PDB file of N, CA and C in Angstrom:
ATOM      1  N   UNK A   1      30.678  19.274   7.104  1.00  0.00           N
ATOM      2  CA  UNK A   1      30.662  18.140   6.207  1.00  0.00           C
ATOM      3  C   UNK A   1      30.402  16.838   6.974  1.00  0.00           C
ATOM      4  N   UNK A   2      30.988  16.726   8.151  1.00  0.00           N
ATOM      5  CA  UNK A   2      30.798  15.533   8.958  1.00  0.00           C
ATOM      6  C   UNK A   2      29.336  15.381   9.374  1.00  0.00           C
ATOM      7  N   UNK A   3      28.688  16.488   9.658  1.00  0.00           N
ATOM      8  CA  UNK A   3      27.277  16.438  10.061  1.00  0.00           C
ATOM      9  C   UNK A   3      26.419  15.891   8.927  1.00  0.00           C
ATOM     10  N   UNK A   4      26.708  16.297   7.711  1.00  0.00           N
ATOM     11  CA  UNK A   4      25.937  15.821   6.561  1.00  0.00           C
ATOM     12  C   UNK A   4      26.141  14.318   6.362  1.00  0.00           C
ATOM     13  N   UNK A   5      27.361  13.856   6.486  1.00  0.00           N
ATOM     14  CA  UNK A   5      27.646  12.434   6.312  1.00  0.00           C
ATOM     15  C   UNK A   5      26.962  11.614   7.406  1.00  0.00           C
ATOM     16  N   UNK A   6      27.025  12.091   8.631  1.00  0.00           N
ATOM     17  CA  UNK A   6      26.375  11.373   9.735  1.00  0.00           C
ATOM     18  C   UNK A   6      24.859  11.370   9.545  1.00  0.00           C
ATOM     19  N   UNK A   7      24.287  12.480   9.105  1.00  0.00           N
ATOM     20  CA  UNK A   7      22.842  12.548   8.866  1.00  0.00           C
ATOM     21  C   UNK A   7      22.433  11.600   7.745  1.00  0.00           C
ATOM     22  N   UNK A   8      23.192  11.562   6.667  1.00  0.00           N
ATOM     23  CA  UNK A   8      22.881  10.632   5.575  1.00  0.00           C
ATOM     24  C   UNK A   8      23.013   9.179   6.017  1.00  0.00           C
ATOM     25  N   UNK A   9      24.012   8.882   6.828  1.00  0.00           N
ATOM     26  CA  UNK A   9      24.170   7.519   7.343  1.00  0.00           C
ATOM     27  C   UNK A   9      23.006   7.139   8.244  1.00  0.00           C
ATOM     28  N   UNK A  10      22.536   8.068   9.055  1.00  0.00           N
ATOM     29  CA  UNK A  10      21.390   7.786   9.924  1.00  0.00           C
ATOM     30  C   UNK A  10      20.125   7.541   9.105  1.00  0.00           C
ATOM     31  N   UNK A  11      19.919   8.331   8.068  1.00  0.00           N
ATOM     32  CA  UNK A  11      18.738   8.138   7.213  1.00  0.00           C
ATOM     33  C   UNK A  11      18.821   6.797   6.488  1.00  0.00           C
ATOM     34  N   UNK A  12      19.990   6.456   5.943  1.00  0.00           N
ATOM     35  CA  UNK A  12      20.170   5.178   5.262  1.00  0.00           C
ATOM     36  C   UNK A  12      19.937   4.018   6.224  1.00  0.00           C
ATOM     37  N   UNK A  13      20.451   4.116   7.429  1.00  0.00           N
ATOM     38  CA  UNK A  13      20.228   3.062   8.417  1.00  0.00           C
ATOM     39  C   UNK A  13      18.769   2.908   8.776  1.00  0.00           C
ATOM     40  N   UNK A  14      18.063   4.028   8.949  1.00  0.00           N
ATOM     41  CA  UNK A  14      16.632   3.965   9.273  1.00  0.00           C
ATOM     42  C   UNK A  14      15.837   3.343   8.138  1.00  0.00           C
ATOM     43  N   UNK A  15      16.163   3.716   6.925  1.00  0.00           N
ATOM     44  CA  UNK A  15      15.460   3.143   5.769  1.00  0.00           C
ATOM     45  C   UNK A  15      15.755   1.651   5.660  1.00  0.00           C
ATOM     46  N   UNK A  16      17.004   1.259   5.845  1.00  0.00           N
ATOM     47  CA  UNK A  16      17.370  -0.149   5.725  1.00  0.00           C
ATOM     48  C   UNK A  16      16.696  -0.996   6.788  1.00  0.00           C
ATOM     49  N   UNK A  17      16.624  -0.494   8.011  1.00  0.00           N
ATOM     50  CA  UNK A  17      16.014  -1.289   9.074  1.00  0.00           C
ATOM     51  C   UNK A  17      14.494  -1.366   8.932  1.00  0.00           C
ATOM     52  N   UNK A  18      13.873  -0.366   8.344  1.00  0.00           N
ATOM     53  CA  UNK A  18      12.418  -0.378   8.172  1.00  0.00           C
ATOM     54  C   UNK A  18      11.950  -0.959   6.861  1.00  0.00           C
ATOM     55  N   UNK A  19      12.821  -1.039   5.872  1.00  0.00           N
ATOM     56  CA  UNK A  19      12.415  -1.466   4.530  1.00  0.00           C
ATOM     57  C   UNK A  19      11.843  -2.877   4.473  1.00  0.00           C
ATOM     58  N   UNK A  20      12.319  -3.860   5.244  1.00  0.00           N
ATOM     59  CA  UNK A  20      11.702  -5.193   5.170  1.00  0.00           C
ATOM     60  C   UNK A  20      10.235  -5.216   5.593  1.00  0.00           C
ATOM     61  N   UNK A  21       9.787  -4.230   6.350  1.00  0.00           N
ATOM     62  CA  UNK A  21       8.392  -4.209   6.792  1.00  0.00           C
ATOM     63  C   UNK A  21       7.460  -3.533   5.790  1.00  0.00           C
ATOM     64  N   UNK A  22       8.010  -2.763   4.885  1.00  0.00           N
ATOM     65  CA  UNK A  22       7.175  -2.007   3.934  1.00  0.00           C
ATOM     66  C   UNK A  22       6.283  -2.917   3.103  1.00  0.00           C
ATOM     67  N   UNK A  23       6.792  -4.001   2.506  1.00  0.00           N
ATOM     68  CA  UNK A  23       5.899  -4.832   1.690  1.00  0.00           C
ATOM     69  C   UNK A  23       4.768  -5.477   2.477  1.00  0.00           C
ATOM     70  N   UNK A  24       4.941  -5.606   3.771  1.00  0.00           N
ATOM     71  CA  UNK A  24       3.909  -6.253   4.582  1.00  0.00           C
ATOM     72  C   UNK A  24       2.781  -5.307   4.973  1.00  0.00           C
ATOM     73  N   UNK A  25       3.039  -4.012   4.987  1.00  0.00           N
ATOM     74  CA  UNK A  25       2.025  -3.076   5.476  1.00  0.00           C
ATOM     75  C   UNK A  25       1.436  -2.168   4.405  1.00  0.00           C
ATOM     76  N   UNK A  26       2.037  -2.094   3.224  1.00  0.00           N
ATOM     77  CA  UNK A  26       1.529  -1.196   2.202  1.00  0.00           C
ATOM     78  C   UNK A  26       0.342  -1.856   1.484  1.00  0.00           C
ATOM     79  N   UNK A  27      -0.719  -1.107   1.313  1.00  0.00           N
ATOM     80  CA  UNK A  27      -1.954  -1.567   0.665  1.00  0.00           C
ATOM     81  C   UNK A  27      -2.436  -2.906   1.216  1.00  0.00           C
ATOM     82  N   UNK A  28      -2.769  -2.978   2.481  1.00  0.00           N
ATOM     83  CA  UNK A  28      -3.155  -4.276   3.039  1.00  0.00           C
ATOM     84  C   UNK A  28      -4.483  -4.807   2.500  1.00  0.00           C
ATOM     85  N   UNK A  29      -5.370  -3.930   2.028  1.00  0.00           N
ATOM     86  CA  UNK A  29      -6.683  -4.386   1.573  1.00  0.00           C
ATOM     87  C   UNK A  29      -6.813  -4.401   0.050  1.00  0.00           C
ATOM     88  N   UNK A  30      -5.766  -4.158  -0.662  1.00  0.00           N
ATOM     89  CA  UNK A  30      -5.789  -4.143  -2.127  1.00  0.00           C
ATOM     90  C   UNK A  30      -4.861  -5.223  -2.663  1.00  0.00           C
ATOM     91  N   UNK A  31      -5.431  -6.187  -3.354  1.00  0.00           N
ATOM     92  CA  UNK A  31      -4.649  -7.334  -3.801  1.00  0.00           C
ATOM     93  C   UNK A  31      -3.578  -6.945  -4.821  1.00  0.00           C
ATOM     94  N   UNK A  32      -3.954  -6.358  -5.919  1.00  0.00           N
ATOM     95  CA  UNK A  32      -2.988  -6.115  -6.993  1.00  0.00           C
ATOM     96  C   UNK A  32      -2.077  -4.938  -6.704  1.00  0.00           C
ATOM     97  N   UNK A  33      -2.582  -3.947  -5.999  1.00  0.00           N
ATOM     98  CA  UNK A  33      -1.682  -2.859  -5.601  1.00  0.00           C
ATOM     99  C   UNK A  33      -0.627  -3.370  -4.636  1.00  0.00           C
ATOM    100  N   UNK A  34      -1.021  -4.242  -3.742  1.00  0.00           N
ATOM    101  CA  UNK A  34      -0.064  -4.854  -2.819  1.00  0.00           C
ATOM    102  C   UNK A  34       0.955  -5.720  -3.547  1.00  0.00           C
ATOM    103  N   UNK A  35       0.494  -6.419  -4.583  1.00  0.00           N
ATOM    104  CA  UNK A  35       1.398  -7.251  -5.384  1.00  0.00           C
ATOM    105  C   UNK A  35       2.460  -6.395  -6.065  1.00  0.00           C
ATOM    106  N   UNK A  36       2.028  -5.323  -6.735  1.00  0.00           N
ATOM    107  CA  UNK A  36       2.988  -4.469  -7.439  1.00  0.00           C
ATOM    108  C   UNK A  36       3.882  -3.716  -6.464  1.00  0.00           C
ATOM    109  N   UNK A  37       3.349  -3.324  -5.326  1.00  0.00           N
ATOM    110  CA  UNK A  37       4.187  -2.667  -4.314  1.00  0.00           C
ATOM    111  C   UNK A  37       5.236  -3.634  -3.774  1.00  0.00           C
ATOM    112  N   UNK A  38       4.864  -4.895  -3.598  1.00  0.00           N
ATOM    113  CA  UNK A  38       5.829  -5.889  -3.128  1.00  0.00           C
ATOM    114  C   UNK A  38       6.931  -6.109  -4.157  1.00  0.00           C
ATOM    115  N   UNK A  39       6.569  -6.152  -5.426  1.00  0.00           N
ATOM    116  CA  UNK A  39       7.596  -6.300  -6.461  1.00  0.00           C
ATOM    117  C   UNK A  39       8.533  -5.099  -6.484  1.00  0.00           C
ATOM    118  N   UNK A  40       7.957  -3.916  -6.370  1.00  0.00           N
ATOM    119  CA  UNK A  40       8.758  -2.690  -6.347  1.00  0.00           C
ATOM    120  C   UNK A  40       9.717  -2.695  -5.147  1.00  0.00           C
ATOM    121  N   UNK A  41       9.203  -3.037  -3.980  1.00  0.00           N
ATOM    122  CA  UNK A  41      10.051  -3.075  -2.781  1.00  0.00           C
ATOM    123  C   UNK A  41      11.126  -4.148  -2.906  1.00  0.00           C
ATOM    124  N   UNK A  42      10.790  -5.267  -3.528  1.00  0.00           N
ATOM    125  CA  UNK A  42      11.775  -6.326  -3.717  1.00  0.00           C
ATOM    126  C   UNK A  42      12.901  -5.920  -4.641  1.00  0.00           C
ATOM    127  N   UNK A  43      12.559  -5.236  -5.727  1.00  0.00           N
ATOM    128  CA  UNK A  43      13.592  -4.779  -6.659  1.00  0.00           C
ATOM    129  C   UNK A  43      14.494  -3.741  -5.990  1.00  0.00           C
ATOM    130  N   UNK A  44      13.881  -2.785  -5.304  1.00  0.00           N
ATOM    131  CA  UNK A  44      14.698  -1.781  -4.611  1.00  0.00           C
ATOM    132  C   UNK A  44      15.534  -2.422  -3.497  1.00  0.00           C
ATOM    133  N   UNK A  45      14.974  -3.415  -2.829  1.00  0.00           N
ATOM    134  CA  UNK A  45      15.733  -4.125  -1.804  1.00  0.00           C
ATOM    135  C   UNK A  45      16.917  -4.886  -2.388  1.00  0.00           C
ATOM    136  N   UNK A  46      16.720  -5.491  -3.559  1.00  0.00           N
ATOM    137  CA  UNK A  46      17.824  -6.204  -4.202  1.00  0.00           C
ATOM    138  C   UNK A  46      18.931  -5.237  -4.615  1.00  0.00           C
ATOM    139  N   UNK A  47      18.549  -4.100  -5.163  1.00  0.00           N
ATOM    140  CA  UNK A  47      19.547  -3.090  -5.533  1.00  0.00           C
ATOM    141  C   UNK A  47      20.269  -2.584  -4.288  1.00  0.00           C
ATOM    142  N   UNK A  48      19.508  -2.313  -3.230  1.00  0.00           N
ATOM    143  CA  UNK A  48      20.118  -1.852  -1.983  1.00  0.00           C
ATOM    144  C   UNK A  48      21.031  -2.895  -1.369  1.00  0.00           C
ATOM    145  N   UNK A  49      20.658  -4.167  -1.475  1.00  0.00           N
ATOM    146  CA  UNK A  49      21.491  -5.231  -0.912  1.00  0.00           C
ATOM    147  C   UNK A  49      22.819  -5.325  -1.646  1.00  0.00           C
ATOM    148  N   UNK A  50      22.789  -5.130  -2.945  1.00  0.00           N
ATOM    149  CA  UNK A  50      24.034  -5.202  -3.722  1.00  0.00           C
ATOM    150  C   UNK A  50      24.885  -3.954  -3.486  1.00  0.00           C
ATOM    151  N   UNK A  51      24.254  -2.797  -3.511  1.00  0.00           N
ATOM    152  CA  UNK A  51      25.013  -1.552  -3.385  1.00  0.00           C
ATOM    153  C   UNK A  51      25.600  -1.343  -1.989  1.00  0.00           C
ATOM    154  N   UNK A  52      24.881  -1.750  -0.956  1.00  0.00           N
ATOM    155  CA  UNK A  52      25.294  -1.461   0.411  1.00  0.00           C
ATOM    156  C   UNK A  52      25.755  -2.700   1.166  1.00  0.00           C
ATOM    157  N   UNK A  53      26.204  -3.722   0.463  1.00  0.00           N
ATOM    158  CA  UNK A  53      26.564  -4.974   1.128  1.00  0.00           C
ATOM    159  C   UNK A  53      27.812  -4.862   1.994  1.00  0.00           C
ATOM    160  N   UNK A  54      28.681  -3.914   1.704  1.00  0.00           N
ATOM    161  CA  UNK A  54      29.944  -3.799   2.450  1.00  0.00           C
ATOM    162  C   UNK A  54      29.907  -2.724   3.527  1.00  0.00           C
ATOM    163  N   UNK A  55      28.764  -2.118   3.755  1.00  0.00           N
ATOM    164  CA  UNK A  55      28.686  -1.071   4.770  1.00  0.00           C
ATOM    165  C   UNK A  55      28.626  -1.670   6.167  1.00  0.00           C
ATOM    166  N   UNK A  56      28.945  -0.836   7.120  1.00  0.00           N
ATOM    167  CA  UNK A  56      28.887  -1.212   8.525  1.00  0.00           C
ATOM    168  C   UNK A  56      27.423  -1.348   8.963  1.00  0.00           C
ATOM    169  N   UNK A  57      27.138  -2.006  10.050  1.00  0.00           N
ATOM    170  CA  UNK A  57      25.795  -2.197  10.623  1.00  0.00           C
ATOM    171  C   UNK A  57      24.902  -3.067   9.751  1.00  0.00           C
ATOM    172  N   UNK A  58      25.459  -3.887   8.907  1.00  0.00           N
ATOM    173  CA  UNK A  58      24.726  -4.869   8.106  1.00  0.00           C
ATOM    174  C   UNK A  58      23.535  -4.274   7.358  1.00  0.00           C
ATOM    175  N   UNK A  59      23.704  -3.142   6.766  1.00  0.00           N
ATOM    176  CA  UNK A  59      22.620  -2.491   6.030  1.00  0.00           C
ATOM    177  C   UNK A  59      22.165  -3.364   4.872  1.00  0.00           C
ATOM    178  N   UNK A  60      23.088  -3.978   4.164  1.00  0.00           N
ATOM    179  CA  UNK A  60      22.741  -4.845   3.038  1.00  0.00           C
ATOM    180  C   UNK A  60      21.898  -6.038   3.445  1.00  0.00           C
ATOM    181  N   UNK A  61      22.133  -6.563   4.650  1.00  0.00           N
ATOM    182  CA  UNK A  61      21.351  -7.704   5.119  1.00  0.00           C
ATOM    183  C   UNK A  61      19.887  -7.347   5.320  1.00  0.00           C
ATOM    184  N   UNK A  62      19.616  -6.141   5.774  1.00  0.00           N
ATOM    185  CA  UNK A  62      18.231  -5.730   5.944  1.00  0.00           C
ATOM    186  C   UNK A  62      17.544  -5.547   4.597  1.00  0.00           C
ATOM    187  N   UNK A  63      18.277  -5.075   3.608  1.00  0.00           N
ATOM    188  CA  UNK A  63      17.706  -4.989   2.274  1.00  0.00           C
ATOM    189  C   UNK A  63      17.463  -6.385   1.705  1.00  0.00           C
ATOM    190  N   UNK A  64      18.335  -7.342   2.020  1.00  0.00           N
ATOM    191  CA  UNK A  64      18.103  -8.731   1.605  1.00  0.00           C
ATOM    192  C   UNK A  64      16.838  -9.283   2.257  1.00  0.00           C
ATOM    193  N   UNK A  65      16.616  -8.943   3.503  1.00  0.00           N
ATOM    194  CA  UNK A  65      15.396  -9.387   4.179  1.00  0.00           C
ATOM    195  C   UNK A  65      14.163  -8.817   3.500  1.00  0.00           C
ATOM    196  N   UNK A  66      14.268  -7.615   2.962  1.00  0.00           N
ATOM    197  CA  UNK A  66      13.119  -7.039   2.266  1.00  0.00           C
ATOM    198  C   UNK A  66      12.810  -7.797   0.986  1.00  0.00           C
ATOM    199  N   UNK A  67      13.811  -8.367   0.358  1.00  0.00           N
ATOM    200  CA  UNK A  67      13.574  -9.185  -0.832  1.00  0.00           C
ATOM    201  C   UNK A  67      12.768 -10.423  -0.443  1.00  0.00           C
ATOM    202  N   UNK A  68      13.088 -11.000   0.695  1.00  0.00           N
ATOM    203  CA  UNK A  68      12.355 -12.186   1.156  1.00  0.00           C
ATOM    204  C   UNK A  68      10.913 -11.829   1.508  1.00  0.00           C
ATOM    205  N   UNK A  69      10.715 -10.764   2.275  1.00  0.00           N
ATOM    206  CA  UNK A  69       9.341 -10.395   2.634  1.00  0.00           C
ATOM    207  C   UNK A  69       8.550  -9.949   1.412  1.00  0.00           C
ATOM    208  N   UNK A  70       9.205  -9.314   0.465  1.00  0.00           N
ATOM    209  CA  UNK A  70       8.525  -8.914  -0.764  1.00  0.00           C
ATOM    210  C   UNK A  70       8.114 -10.136  -1.580  1.00  0.00           C
ATOM    211  N   UNK A  71       8.985 -11.113  -1.642  1.00  0.00           N
ATOM    212  CA  UNK A  71       8.664 -12.335  -2.378  1.00  0.00           C
ATOM    213  C   UNK A  71       7.479 -13.061  -1.752  1.00  0.00           C
ATOM    214  N   UNK A  72       7.469 -13.118  -0.429  1.00  0.00           N
ATOM    215  CA  UNK A  72       6.337 -13.762   0.256  1.00  0.00           C
ATOM    216  C   UNK A  72       5.037 -13.024   0.003  1.00  0.00           C
ATOM    217  N   UNK A  73       5.066 -11.700   0.094  1.00  0.00           N
ATOM    218  CA  UNK A  73       3.848 -10.918  -0.151  1.00  0.00           C
ATOM    219  C   UNK A  73       3.380 -11.068  -1.587  1.00  0.00           C
ATOM    220  N   UNK A  74       4.307 -11.029  -2.545  1.00  0.00           N
ATOM    221  CA  UNK A  74       3.932 -11.190  -3.951  1.00  0.00           C
ATOM    222  C   UNK A  74       3.334 -12.572  -4.193  1.00  0.00           C
ATOM    223  N   UNK A  75       3.882 -13.594  -3.571  1.00  0.00           N
ATOM    224  CA  UNK A  75       3.345 -14.951  -3.713  1.00  0.00           C
ATOM    225  C   UNK A  75       1.942 -15.055  -3.128  1.00  0.00           C
ATOM    226  N   UNK A  76       1.748 -14.476  -1.956  1.00  0.00           N
ATOM    227  CA  UNK A  76       0.423 -14.505  -1.320  1.00  0.00           C
ATOM    228  C   UNK A  76      -0.600 -13.755  -2.164  1.00  0.00           C
ATOM    229  N   UNK A  77      -0.210 -12.626  -2.703  1.00  0.00           N
ATOM    230  CA  UNK A  77      -1.143 -11.836  -3.519  1.00  0.00           C
ATOM    231  C   UNK A  77      -1.420 -12.501  -4.858  1.00  0.00           C
ATOM    232  N   UNK A  78      -0.423 -13.101  -5.466  1.00  0.00           N
ATOM    233  CA  UNK A  78      -0.614 -13.741  -6.774  1.00  0.00           C
ATOM    234  C   UNK A  78      -1.505 -14.972  -6.667  1.00  0.00           C
ATOM    235  N   UNK A  79      -1.390 -15.694  -5.566  1.00  0.00           N
ATOM    236  CA  UNK A  79      -2.212 -16.894  -5.399  1.00  0.00           C
ATOM    237  C   UNK A  79      -3.568 -16.599  -4.785  1.00  0.00           C
ATOM    238  N   UNK A  80      -3.743 -15.421  -4.212  1.00  0.00           N
ATOM    239  CA  UNK A  80      -5.030 -15.045  -3.641  1.00  0.00           C
ATOM    240  C   UNK A  80      -5.303 -15.624  -2.264  1.00  0.00           C
ATOM    241  N   UNK A  81      -4.260 -15.988  -1.539  1.00  0.00           N
ATOM    242  CA  UNK A  81      -4.437 -16.592  -0.217  1.00  0.00           C
ATOM    243  C   UNK A  81      -5.052 -15.639   0.808  1.00  0.00           C
ATOM    244  N   UNK A  82      -4.872 -14.354   0.630  1.00  0.00           N
ATOM    245  CA  UNK A  82      -5.356 -13.386   1.621  1.00  0.00           C
ATOM    246  C   UNK A  82      -6.774 -12.894   1.329  1.00  0.00           C
ATOM    247  N   UNK A  83      -7.360 -13.317   0.218  1.00  0.00           N
ATOM    248  CA  UNK A  83      -8.678 -12.804  -0.152  1.00  0.00           C
ATOM    249  C   UNK A  83      -9.768 -13.202   0.844  1.00  0.00           C
ATOM    250  N   UNK A  84      -9.701 -14.382   1.375  1.00  0.00           N
ATOM    251  CA  UNK A  84     -10.718 -14.819   2.340  1.00  0.00           C
ATOM    252  C   UNK A  84     -10.708 -13.952   3.587  1.00  0.00           C
ATOM    253  N   UNK A  85      -9.517 -13.655   4.084  1.00  0.00           N
ATOM    254  CA  UNK A  85      -9.396 -12.802   5.274  1.00  0.00           C
ATOM    255  C   UNK A  85      -9.857 -11.381   4.963  1.00  0.00           C
ATOM    256  N   UNK A  86      -9.552 -10.880   3.787  1.00  0.00           N
ATOM    257  CA  UNK A  86      -9.999  -9.540   3.402  1.00  0.00           C
ATOM    258  C   UNK A  86     -11.512  -9.470   3.302  1.00  0.00           C
ATOM    259  N   UNK A  87     -12.107 -10.504   2.732  1.00  0.00           N
ATOM    260  CA  UNK A  87     -13.563 -10.528   2.594  1.00  0.00           C
ATOM    261  C   UNK A  87     -14.236 -10.535   3.965  1.00  0.00           C
ATOM    262  N   UNK A  88     -13.711 -11.332   4.879  1.00  0.00           N
ATOM    263  CA  UNK A  88     -14.267 -11.364   6.234  1.00  0.00           C
ATOM    264  C   UNK A  88     -14.147 -10.006   6.912  1.00  0.00           C
ATOM    265  N   UNK A  89     -13.011  -9.361   6.744  1.00  0.00           N
ATOM    266  CA  UNK A  89     -12.810  -8.047   7.374  1.00  0.00           C
ATOM    267  C   UNK A  89     -13.757  -7.008   6.788  1.00  0.00           C
ATOM    268  N   UNK A  90     -13.929  -7.029   5.468  1.00  0.00           N
ATOM    269  CA  UNK A  90     -14.867  -6.094   4.840  1.00  0.00           C
ATOM    270  C   UNK A  90     -16.291  -6.325   5.329  1.00  0.00           C
ATOM    271  N   UNK A  91     -16.695  -7.593   5.431  1.00  0.00           N
ATOM    272  CA  UNK A  91     -18.048  -7.907   5.901  1.00  0.00           C
ATOM    273  C   UNK A  91     -18.243  -7.491   7.351  1.00  0.00           C
ATOM    274  N   UNK A  92     -17.245  -7.711   8.189  1.00  0.00           N
ATOM    275  CA  UNK A  92     -17.385  -7.325   9.594  1.00  0.00           C
ATOM    276  C   UNK A  92     -17.431  -5.806   9.739  1.00  0.00           C
ATOM    277  N   UNK A  93     -16.672  -5.105   8.921  1.00  0.00           N
ATOM    278  CA  UNK A  93     -16.743  -3.636   8.958  1.00  0.00           C
ATOM    279  C   UNK A  93     -18.096  -3.143   8.465  1.00  0.00           C
ATOM    280  N   UNK A  94     -18.626  -3.791   7.443  1.00  0.00           N
ATOM    281  CA  UNK A  94     -19.944  -3.390   6.934  1.00  0.00           C
ATOM    282  C   UNK A  94     -21.011  -3.631   7.997  1.00  0.00           C
ATOM    283  N   UNK A  95     -20.933  -4.758   8.694  1.00  0.00           N
ATOM    284  CA  UNK A  95     -21.891  -5.026   9.772  1.00  0.00           C
ATOM    285  C   UNK A  95     -21.751  -4.030  10.911  1.00  0.00           C
ATOM    286  N   UNK A  96     -20.526  -3.644  11.213  1.00  0.00           N
ATOM    287  CA  UNK A  96     -20.300  -2.671  12.296  1.00  0.00           C
ATOM    288  C   UNK A  96     -20.881  -1.319  11.932  1.00  0.00           C
ATOM    289  N   UNK A  97     -20.807  -0.955  10.656  1.00  0.00           N
ATOM    290  CA  UNK A  97     -21.370   0.327  10.228  1.00  0.00           C
ATOM    291  C   UNK A  97     -22.894   0.279  10.187  1.00  0.00           C
ATOM    292  N   UNK A  98     -23.472  -0.893   9.954  1.00  0.00           N
ATOM    293  CA  UNK A  98     -24.925  -1.020   9.926  1.00  0.00           C
ATOM    294  C   UNK A  98     -25.530  -0.889  11.308  1.00  0.00           C
ATOM    295  N   UNK A  99     -24.813  -1.334  12.323  1.00  0.00           N
ATOM    296  CA  UNK A  99     -25.355  -1.296  13.674  1.00  0.00           C
ATOM    297  C   UNK A  99     -25.257   0.084  14.324  1.00  0.00           C
ATOM    298  N   UNK A 100     -24.542   0.981  13.734  1.00  0.00           N
ATOM    299  CA  UNK A 100     -24.405   2.310  14.318  1.00  0.00           C
ATOM    300  C   UNK A 100     -25.631   3.099  14.195  1.00  0.00           C
TER     301      UNK A 100
END
């Protein structure tokens, strides 16, 4: 029984420490998919922050950080600030494929 509890705690800790980065890396080249993924990650982060706020190793704080990164990503996607960089990257990739 102790092994199961320790394994679940390790998985929860790994998810909590990595969750703030998920909204930043999921669907980097898709505007609206990235927006909806950021909202989804933010909602799950808010639920995780409330549910796990009293646990050891500040698990709730990492979920709170995911709400902040999700909000930033959703704001960037909603306003279209990243479209210029995406367009440049697509054009440079197209040029790289043409020269091959």
